[in-house]
Amino acid sequence: MFQLLHIAEHQASVLKEMPRVLPEKGFLWFDVDYTDTRRWVGPVVELTGIRVLDEHLSDAENMLHPSYYDSTSQYEMIVFRGLANRINLDPRAEGSIGNSGLRIKTRPTTFFVLPKVLVTVRALDSKLFASLRERLLAAADSTQRMPACPEELMLRVLNGMVDRYLDLRQPMTDLLDNWQKDLLDPRRPFRDWYLLLEARSEIRKLEMLCEEQLDAVQEWRDERAQRREGSKGPGPLSPLLEVRTNDVVEHIGRVMHHSHRLEASAESAVQLHFSSTAHRTNEIMRTLTAITAIFLPLTLVTGIFGMNFEFIPGLHSRYGFWMSMALMLLIAGGMVVFFTARSYLASSSFRKMFEARRKSRDEA
């Protein structure tokens, strides 16, 4: 069964029985889970005389519904998707995003805003709603300010849902940083391509999710801004609600901005990997070319002395073999010195840089 709270100016209380009329002070909060989606409809109709459309009730039951805003002349509905999974911040722990990849699961929460009534349809195991309910019930003995209207309580919930997305910033950044280090490690090939591509896909989903959330909140704010005092239905937002709404919009924008940066970081990591691979390939080819160039004169010398002429200088000399060997060693040594001076046979600068970074990190 749904939970019913009466939120007044200085306290919040759980109502065991359904009131016959709306309270003069404060408002009612119907906190409903998915299994009790339609049980609140009858009591709300009796209290307010407003009947929610069946299409909107079906939207509240749809687990795949995107973030969305709609309204009638009597009430408003906002569907807002929040995080469904708990992100493990320890990349070494079992089941963390560092081991299983980045997968962002969301589920919808539906808000029905009526005169002096707020209805929230959400998941039964939502810790955000349980924590908020406990804080409101405990605020009677503290100086914490209570929500003055259903819209303010809804904005508090929306702000908490968006803040959970902000908590993803650090683990997602750490995950991509670790992948970047693995991509640049020349000593072992990178094998987590599937997880990396999946993470890029999830980041794009997060970006589209933020756009839907932003559209829903902005449409609600813009429609309220066009209404006048005394008009039928909800009136314009107060300055306090305007500030809270702008805060929610700003937080959604921060999540969207971070998703843009993460996508760019993942793309740059892949490009840097292929650039470093091409750089290492070029260095290997340069080394092989230098070795080939060293042995070419030696092949020429051996080819000359291998010709089938009857008279070849030094052919019948007892020191001819050693003289030719000394000549070849002299030529090879001179070319090695020349190529080393030109850094054709030097160690990879990329490898040196990576080893230096790894050494400094190990020492730290």
Protein backbone atom coordinates (compact mmCIF):
# COMPACT_ATOMS: atom_id res chain seq x y z
CA MET A 1 0.00 0.00 0.00
CA PHE A 2 1.16 3.54 -0.69
CA GLN A 3 2.38 5.81 2.09
CA LEU A 4 0.63 9.09 2.79
CA LEU A 5 2.42 12.00 4.44
CA HIS A 6 1.06 15.34 5.55
CA ILE A 7 3.74 18.00 5.16
CA ALA A 8 3.02 21.23 7.00
CA GLU A 9 5.07 24.32 7.70
CA HIS A 10 7.15 22.94 10.59
CA GLN A 11 6.54 19.19 10.59
CA ALA A 12 5.74 16.12 8.55
CA SER A 13 3.63 13.21 9.74
CA VAL A 14 2.51 9.86 8.40
CA LEU A 15 -1.28 9.56 8.07
CA LYS A 16 -2.70 6.16 8.96
CA GLU A 17 -6.14 7.00 7.64
CA MET A 18 -7.24 8.85 4.54
CA PRO A 19 -8.46 12.39 5.34
CA ARG A 20 -11.84 13.46 4.02
CA VAL A 21 -10.70 16.88 2.86
CA LEU A 22 -7.44 18.52 1.88
CA PRO A 23 -5.54 20.12 4.78
CA GLU A 24 -5.80 23.88 5.18
CA LYS A 25 -2.06 24.14 5.83
CA GLY A 26 0.58 22.19 3.99
CA PHE A 27 -0.06 19.48 1.43
CA LEU A 28 -0.30 15.69 1.05
CA TRP A 29 2.36 13.43 -0.42
CA PHE A 30 1.26 10.08 -1.89
CA ASP A 31 4.43 7.99 -2.08
CA VAL A 32 3.55 5.06 -4.37
CA ASP A 33 5.62 2.19 -5.71
CA TYR A 34 5.15 0.50 -9.06
CA THR A 35 2.99 -2.31 -7.64
CA ASP A 36 0.44 0.16 -6.23
CA THR A 37 0.24 2.38 -9.29
CA ARG A 38 -3.55 2.74 -9.39
CA ARG A 39 -4.56 2.44 -5.74
CA TRP A 40 -4.05 6.11 -5.11
CA VAL A 41 -6.36 7.24 -7.91
CA GLY A 42 -9.61 6.82 -5.98
CA PRO A 43 -8.48 8.68 -2.82
CA VAL A 44 -7.03 11.52 -4.93
CA VAL A 45 -10.29 11.87 -6.85
CA GLU A 46 -12.23 12.03 -3.57
CA LEU A 47 -9.92 14.68 -2.13
CA THR A 48 -9.38 16.90 -5.18
CA GLY A 49 -12.13 16.00 -7.61
CA ILE A 50 -9.45 15.59 -10.29
CA ARG A 51 -9.27 12.38 -12.31
CA VAL A 52 -5.94 11.44 -13.85
CA LEU A 53 -6.12 10.36 -17.48
CA ASP A 54 -5.68 6.67 -18.23
CA GLU A 55 -2.94 7.52 -20.73
CA HIS A 56 -0.92 9.17 -17.98
CA LEU A 57 -1.48 6.20 -15.66
CA SER A 58 -0.21 3.93 -18.42
CA ASP A 59 2.85 6.17 -18.79
CA ALA A 60 3.53 5.80 -15.05
CA GLU A 61 3.44 2.00 -15.43
CA ASN A 62 5.78 1.97 -18.45
CA MET A 63 9.29 1.09 -17.23
CA LEU A 64 10.81 2.15 -20.58
CA HIS A 65 9.20 5.57 -20.72
CA PRO A 66 11.73 8.37 -21.35
CA SER A 67 11.89 11.59 -19.36
CA TYR A 68 8.83 13.54 -20.35
CA TYR A 69 6.47 16.37 -19.36
CA ASP A 70 2.75 16.69 -19.98
CA SER A 71 -0.09 18.59 -18.36
CA THR A 72 -3.80 19.22 -18.34
CA SER A 73 -5.77 22.19 -17.08
CA GLN A 74 -5.93 20.54 -13.62
CA TYR A 75 -2.65 18.74 -13.00
CA GLU A 76 0.89 18.20 -14.31
CA MET A 77 2.90 15.04 -14.93
CA ILE A 78 6.68 14.73 -15.13
CA VAL A 79 8.47 11.46 -15.88
CA PHE A 80 12.12 11.57 -14.83
CA ARG A 81 14.57 8.69 -15.22
CA GLY A 82 17.02 8.13 -12.36
CA LEU A 83 19.86 5.70 -11.73
CA ALA A 84 18.81 2.16 -10.91
CA ASN A 85 22.20 0.62 -10.13
CA ARG A 86 24.66 1.36 -7.36
CA ILE A 87 28.09 2.30 -8.69
CA ASN A 88 31.02 0.67 -6.90
CA LEU A 89 33.74 3.29 -6.56
CA ASP A 90 36.52 0.76 -5.86
CA PRO A 91 37.94 -0.45 -9.21
CA ARG A 92 39.49 -3.49 -7.53
CA ALA A 93 36.24 -4.73 -5.99
CA GLU A 94 34.11 -7.50 -7.47
CA GLY A 95 31.35 -6.19 -9.69
CA SER A 96 32.77 -2.68 -9.97
CA ILE A 97 32.71 -0.79 -13.24
CA GLY A 98 36.45 -1.41 -13.57
CA ASN A 99 35.83 -5.17 -13.80
CA SER A 100 32.48 -5.35 -15.59
CA GLY A 101 32.63 -2.27 -17.77
CA LEU A 102 30.48 0.82 -17.59
CA ARG A 103 26.75 0.08 -17.62
CA ILE A 104 24.28 2.77 -16.62
CA LYS A 105 20.83 1.42 -15.79
CA THR A 106 17.93 3.79 -15.23
CA ARG A 107 14.29 3.55 -14.26
CA PRO A 108 11.49 6.12 -14.35
CA THR A 109 9.93 8.06 -11.51
CA THR A 110 6.61 9.76 -12.26
CA PHE A 111 5.43 12.92 -10.51
CA PHE A 112 1.79 14.06 -10.53
CA VAL A 113 1.45 17.62 -9.28
CA LEU A 114 -2.09 18.53 -8.18
CA PRO A 115 -3.43 21.33 -5.94
CA LYS A 116 -2.03 20.57 -2.46
CA VAL A 117 -1.17 17.01 -3.54
CA LEU A 118 2.01 15.41 -4.87
CA VAL A 119 1.97 11.81 -6.13
CA THR A 120 5.27 10.03 -6.79
CA VAL A 121 5.31 6.65 -8.54
CA ARG A 122 8.73 5.06 -8.12
CA ALA A 123 10.61 1.81 -7.47
CA LEU A 124 9.99 0.07 -4.17
CA ASP A 125 13.70 -0.19 -3.30
CA SER A 126 14.50 3.48 -3.97
CA LYS A 127 16.86 4.63 -1.23
CA LEU A 128 16.50 8.27 -2.23
CA PHE A 129 12.81 8.36 -1.35
CA ALA A 130 13.34 6.44 1.88
CA SER A 131 16.09 8.84 2.94
CA LEU A 132 14.02 11.91 2.04
CA ARG A 133 11.01 10.60 3.94
CA GLU A 134 13.13 9.96 7.02
CA ARG A 135 14.62 13.46 6.87
CA LEU A 136 11.20 15.07 6.58
CA LEU A 137 9.81 13.08 9.50
CA ALA A 138 12.86 13.93 11.64
CA ALA A 139 12.77 17.63 10.74
CA ALA A 140 10.07 18.40 13.30
CA ASP A 141 12.72 18.66 16.04
CA SER A 142 15.23 20.60 13.93
CA THR A 143 15.51 23.90 12.13
CA GLN A 144 15.33 22.33 8.68
CA ARG A 145 12.90 24.10 6.40
CA MET A 146 9.98 21.98 5.16
CA PRO A 147 8.77 22.10 1.55
CA ALA A 148 6.05 24.70 1.25
CA CYS A 149 4.25 23.16 -1.75
CA PRO A 150 4.20 20.00 -3.89
CA GLU A 151 6.39 21.66 -6.53
CA GLU A 152 9.16 22.33 -4.02
CA LEU A 153 9.16 18.74 -2.79
CA MET A 154 9.29 17.50 -6.39
CA LEU A 155 12.27 19.76 -7.13
CA ARG A 156 14.08 18.43 -4.06
CA VAL A 157 13.59 14.88 -5.32
CA LEU A 158 14.70 15.81 -8.84
CA ASN A 159 17.80 17.48 -7.46
CA GLY A 160 18.69 14.36 -5.49
CA MET A 161 18.19 12.16 -8.57
CA VAL A 162 20.46 14.36 -10.69
CA ASP A 163 23.11 14.45 -7.94
CA ARG A 164 23.38 10.68 -8.21
CA TYR A 165 24.47 11.15 -11.82
CA LEU A 166 27.10 13.63 -10.64
CA ASP A 167 28.50 10.87 -8.39
CA LEU A 168 29.39 8.96 -11.58
CA ARG A 169 32.01 11.52 -12.58
CA GLN A 170 34.92 10.21 -10.54
CA PRO A 171 34.55 6.44 -11.18
CA MET A 172 33.93 7.01 -14.89
CA THR A 173 36.96 9.30 -15.14
CA ASP A 174 39.14 6.80 -13.25
CA LEU A 175 37.97 3.97 -15.50
CA LEU A 176 38.86 5.86 -18.68
CA ASP A 177 42.20 6.94 -17.20
CA ASN A 178 43.10 3.31 -16.48
CA TRP A 179 42.13 2.31 -20.00
CA GLN A 180 44.25 5.12 -21.43
CA LYS A 181 47.27 3.83 -19.50
CA ASP A 182 46.62 0.31 -20.76
CA LEU A 183 46.23 1.58 -24.33
CA LEU A 184 49.63 3.27 -24.15
CA ASP A 185 51.44 0.38 -22.48
CA PRO A 186 53.87 -1.00 -25.12
CA ARG A 187 54.62 -4.16 -23.15
CA ARG A 188 51.19 -5.75 -23.44
CA PRO A 189 48.39 -5.53 -26.04
CA PHE A 190 45.09 -3.94 -25.09
CA ARG A 191 42.30 -6.55 -24.93
CA ASP A 192 39.34 -4.67 -23.43
CA TRP A 193 38.09 -3.27 -26.72
CA TYR A 194 34.57 -4.59 -26.16
CA LEU A 195 34.31 -2.90 -22.76
CA LEU A 196 35.72 0.34 -24.16
CA LEU A 197 33.22 0.42 -27.03
CA GLU A 198 30.44 -0.45 -24.61
CA ALA A 199 31.51 2.40 -22.34
CA ARG A 200 31.40 4.84 -25.27
CA SER A 201 27.88 3.64 -26.05
CA GLU A 202 26.78 4.08 -22.44
CA ILE A 203 28.23 7.60 -22.37
CA ARG A 204 26.16 8.48 -25.45
CA LYS A 205 23.07 7.05 -23.73
CA LEU A 206 23.81 9.22 -20.71
CA GLU A 207 24.07 12.26 -22.97
CA MET A 208 20.70 11.54 -24.61
CA LEU A 209 19.17 10.87 -21.19
CA CYS A 210 20.33 14.28 -19.98
CA GLU A 211 18.82 15.94 -23.03
CA GLU A 212 15.45 14.30 -22.31
CA GLN A 213 15.62 15.30 -18.64
CA LEU A 214 16.56 18.85 -19.56
CA ASP A 215 13.68 19.11 -22.03
CA ALA A 216 11.16 17.84 -19.46
CA VAL A 217 12.22 20.26 -16.71
CA GLN A 218 12.52 23.23 -19.08
CA GLU A 219 9.10 22.58 -20.60
CA TRP A 220 7.57 22.50 -17.12
CA ARG A 221 9.35 25.72 -16.15
CA ASP A 222 8.45 27.49 -19.40
CA GLU A 223 4.79 26.53 -19.18
CA ARG A 224 4.60 27.75 -15.59
CA ALA A 225 6.26 31.02 -16.62
CA GLN A 226 3.51 31.64 -19.19
CA ARG A 227 0.71 31.27 -16.67
CA ARG A 228 -0.76 34.14 -14.75
CA GLU A 229 -2.07 34.49 -11.23
CA GLY A 230 -5.70 33.47 -10.91
CA SER A 231 -5.68 31.44 -14.13
CA LYS A 232 -7.17 27.97 -14.14
CA GLY A 233 -4.68 25.34 -13.04
CA PRO A 234 -1.29 25.81 -11.35
CA GLY A 235 0.02 29.36 -11.26
CA PRO A 236 3.49 30.71 -12.06
CA LEU A 237 6.51 29.63 -10.05
CA SER A 238 7.56 31.67 -7.06
CA PRO A 239 11.09 33.18 -6.97
CA LEU A 240 12.22 30.37 -4.63
CA LEU A 241 10.91 27.68 -6.99
CA GLU A 242 12.53 29.46 -9.92
CA VAL A 243 15.87 29.27 -8.12
CA ARG A 244 15.40 25.58 -7.32
CA THR A 245 14.35 24.82 -10.89
CA ASN A 246 17.38 26.65 -12.28
CA ASP A 247 19.55 24.65 -9.88
CA VAL A 248 18.15 21.37 -11.22
CA VAL A 249 18.67 22.55 -14.81
CA GLU A 250 22.25 23.59 -13.99
CA HIS A 251 23.01 20.19 -12.45
CA ILE A 252 21.64 18.39 -15.51
CA GLY A 253 23.81 20.63 -17.66
CA ARG A 254 26.86 19.68 -15.61
CA VAL A 255 26.15 15.97 -16.14
CA MET A 256 25.72 16.57 -19.87
CA HIS A 257 28.95 18.58 -20.04
CA HIS A 258 30.83 15.81 -18.25
CA SER A 259 29.41 13.19 -20.62
CA HIS A 260 30.71 15.28 -23.54
CA ARG A 261 34.18 15.35 -21.97
CA LEU A 262 34.14 11.61 -21.26
CA GLU A 263 33.16 10.82 -24.83
CA ALA A 264 35.93 13.06 -26.14
CA SER A 265 38.38 11.45 -23.71
CA ALA A 266 37.44 7.94 -24.86
CA GLU A 267 37.79 8.97 -28.50
CA SER A 268 41.17 10.60 -27.91
CA ALA A 269 42.38 7.50 -26.03
CA VAL A 270 41.57 5.31 -29.04
CA GLN A 271 43.22 7.74 -31.46
CA LEU A 272 46.28 8.01 -29.24
CA HIS A 273 46.53 4.22 -29.10
CA PHE A 274 46.60 3.89 -32.87
CA SER A 275 49.03 6.80 -33.17
CA SER A 276 51.40 5.20 -30.67
CA THR A 277 51.05 1.84 -32.45
CA ALA A 278 51.95 3.47 -35.76
CA HIS A 279 54.86 5.24 -34.05
CA ARG A 280 56.21 1.98 -32.65
CA THR A 281 55.79 0.31 -36.06
CA ASN A 282 57.76 3.11 -37.70
CA GLU A 283 60.56 2.74 -35.15
CA ILE A 284 60.72 -1.01 -35.74
CA MET A 285 60.89 -0.48 -39.49
CA ARG A 286 63.58 2.15 -39.01
CA THR A 287 65.67 -0.26 -36.93
CA LEU A 288 65.23 -3.07 -39.45
CA THR A 289 66.17 -0.69 -42.27
CA ALA A 290 69.32 0.37 -40.40
CA ILE A 291 70.32 -3.26 -39.82
CA THR A 292 69.74 -4.03 -43.48
CA ALA A 293 71.87 -1.03 -44.45
CA ILE A 294 74.68 -2.27 -42.19
CA PHE A 295 74.77 -5.70 -43.84
CA LEU A 296 74.51 -4.45 -47.42
CA PRO A 297 78.25 -3.48 -47.69
CA LEU A 298 79.21 -6.77 -46.09
CA THR A 299 77.16 -8.61 -48.68
CA LEU A 300 78.93 -6.59 -51.36
CA VAL A 301 82.38 -7.55 -50.03
CA THR A 302 81.52 -11.25 -49.78
CA GLY A 303 80.00 -11.11 -53.27
CA ILE A 304 83.14 -9.60 -54.74
CA PHE A 305 85.43 -12.21 -53.19
CA GLY A 306 83.03 -14.94 -54.23
CA MET A 307 83.38 -14.18 -57.96
CA ASN A 308 84.95 -16.94 -60.04
CA PHE A 309 87.96 -15.04 -61.40
CA GLU A 310 91.30 -16.76 -61.53
CA PHE A 311 93.25 -13.76 -60.29
CA ILE A 312 91.76 -11.80 -57.34
CA PRO A 313 93.99 -9.59 -55.17
CA GLY A 314 94.66 -11.25 -51.86
CA LEU A 315 92.94 -14.48 -52.86
CA HIS A 316 96.08 -16.59 -52.35
CA SER A 317 97.47 -14.54 -49.47
CA ARG A 318 97.63 -16.19 -46.05
CA TYR A 319 96.25 -12.95 -44.55
CA GLY A 320 93.56 -12.35 -47.18
CA PHE A 321 90.69 -13.82 -45.11
CA TRP A 322 91.58 -11.83 -42.01
CA MET A 323 92.02 -8.67 -44.01
CA SER A 324 88.56 -9.04 -45.56
CA MET A 325 87.03 -9.78 -42.11
CA ALA A 326 88.73 -6.72 -40.64
CA LEU A 327 87.43 -4.62 -43.53
CA MET A 328 83.87 -5.84 -43.02
CA LEU A 329 84.05 -5.26 -39.26
CA LEU A 330 85.41 -1.79 -39.86
CA ILE A 331 82.61 -0.98 -42.28
CA ALA A 332 79.92 -2.42 -39.95
CA GLY A 333 81.35 -0.62 -36.93
CA GLY A 334 81.49 2.67 -38.79
CA MET A 335 77.89 2.36 -39.91
CA VAL A 336 76.71 1.44 -36.39
CA VAL A 337 78.45 4.55 -35.05
CA PHE A 338 76.89 6.67 -37.80
CA PHE A 339 73.34 5.33 -37.25
CA THR A 340 73.67 5.66 -33.49
CA ALA A 341 74.76 9.27 -33.84
CA ARG A 342 71.68 9.87 -36.00
CA SER A 343 69.50 8.07 -33.35
CA TYR A 344 68.43 5.47 -35.89
CA LEU A 345 69.27 2.71 -33.41
CA ALA A 346 68.34 4.59 -30.22
CA SER A 347 65.66 3.35 -27.83
CA SER A 348 62.10 4.42 -28.50
CA SER A 349 61.39 7.87 -27.14
CA PHE A 350 57.81 6.77 -26.54
CA ARG A 351 58.99 3.76 -24.55
CA LYS A 352 61.32 5.96 -22.50
CA MET A 353 58.49 8.35 -21.71
CA PHE A 354 56.17 5.53 -20.67
CA GLU A 355 58.82 3.87 -18.50
CA ALA A 356 59.59 7.19 -16.81
CA ARG A 357 55.90 7.75 -16.04
CA ARG A 358 55.53 4.22 -14.70
CA LYS A 359 58.64 4.60 -12.50
CA SER A 360 57.44 7.91 -11.06
CA ARG A 361 54.01 6.42 -10.35
CA ASP A 362 55.52 3.37 -8.62
CA GLU A 363 57.74 5.58 -6.48
CA ALA A 364 54.75 7.73 -5.49
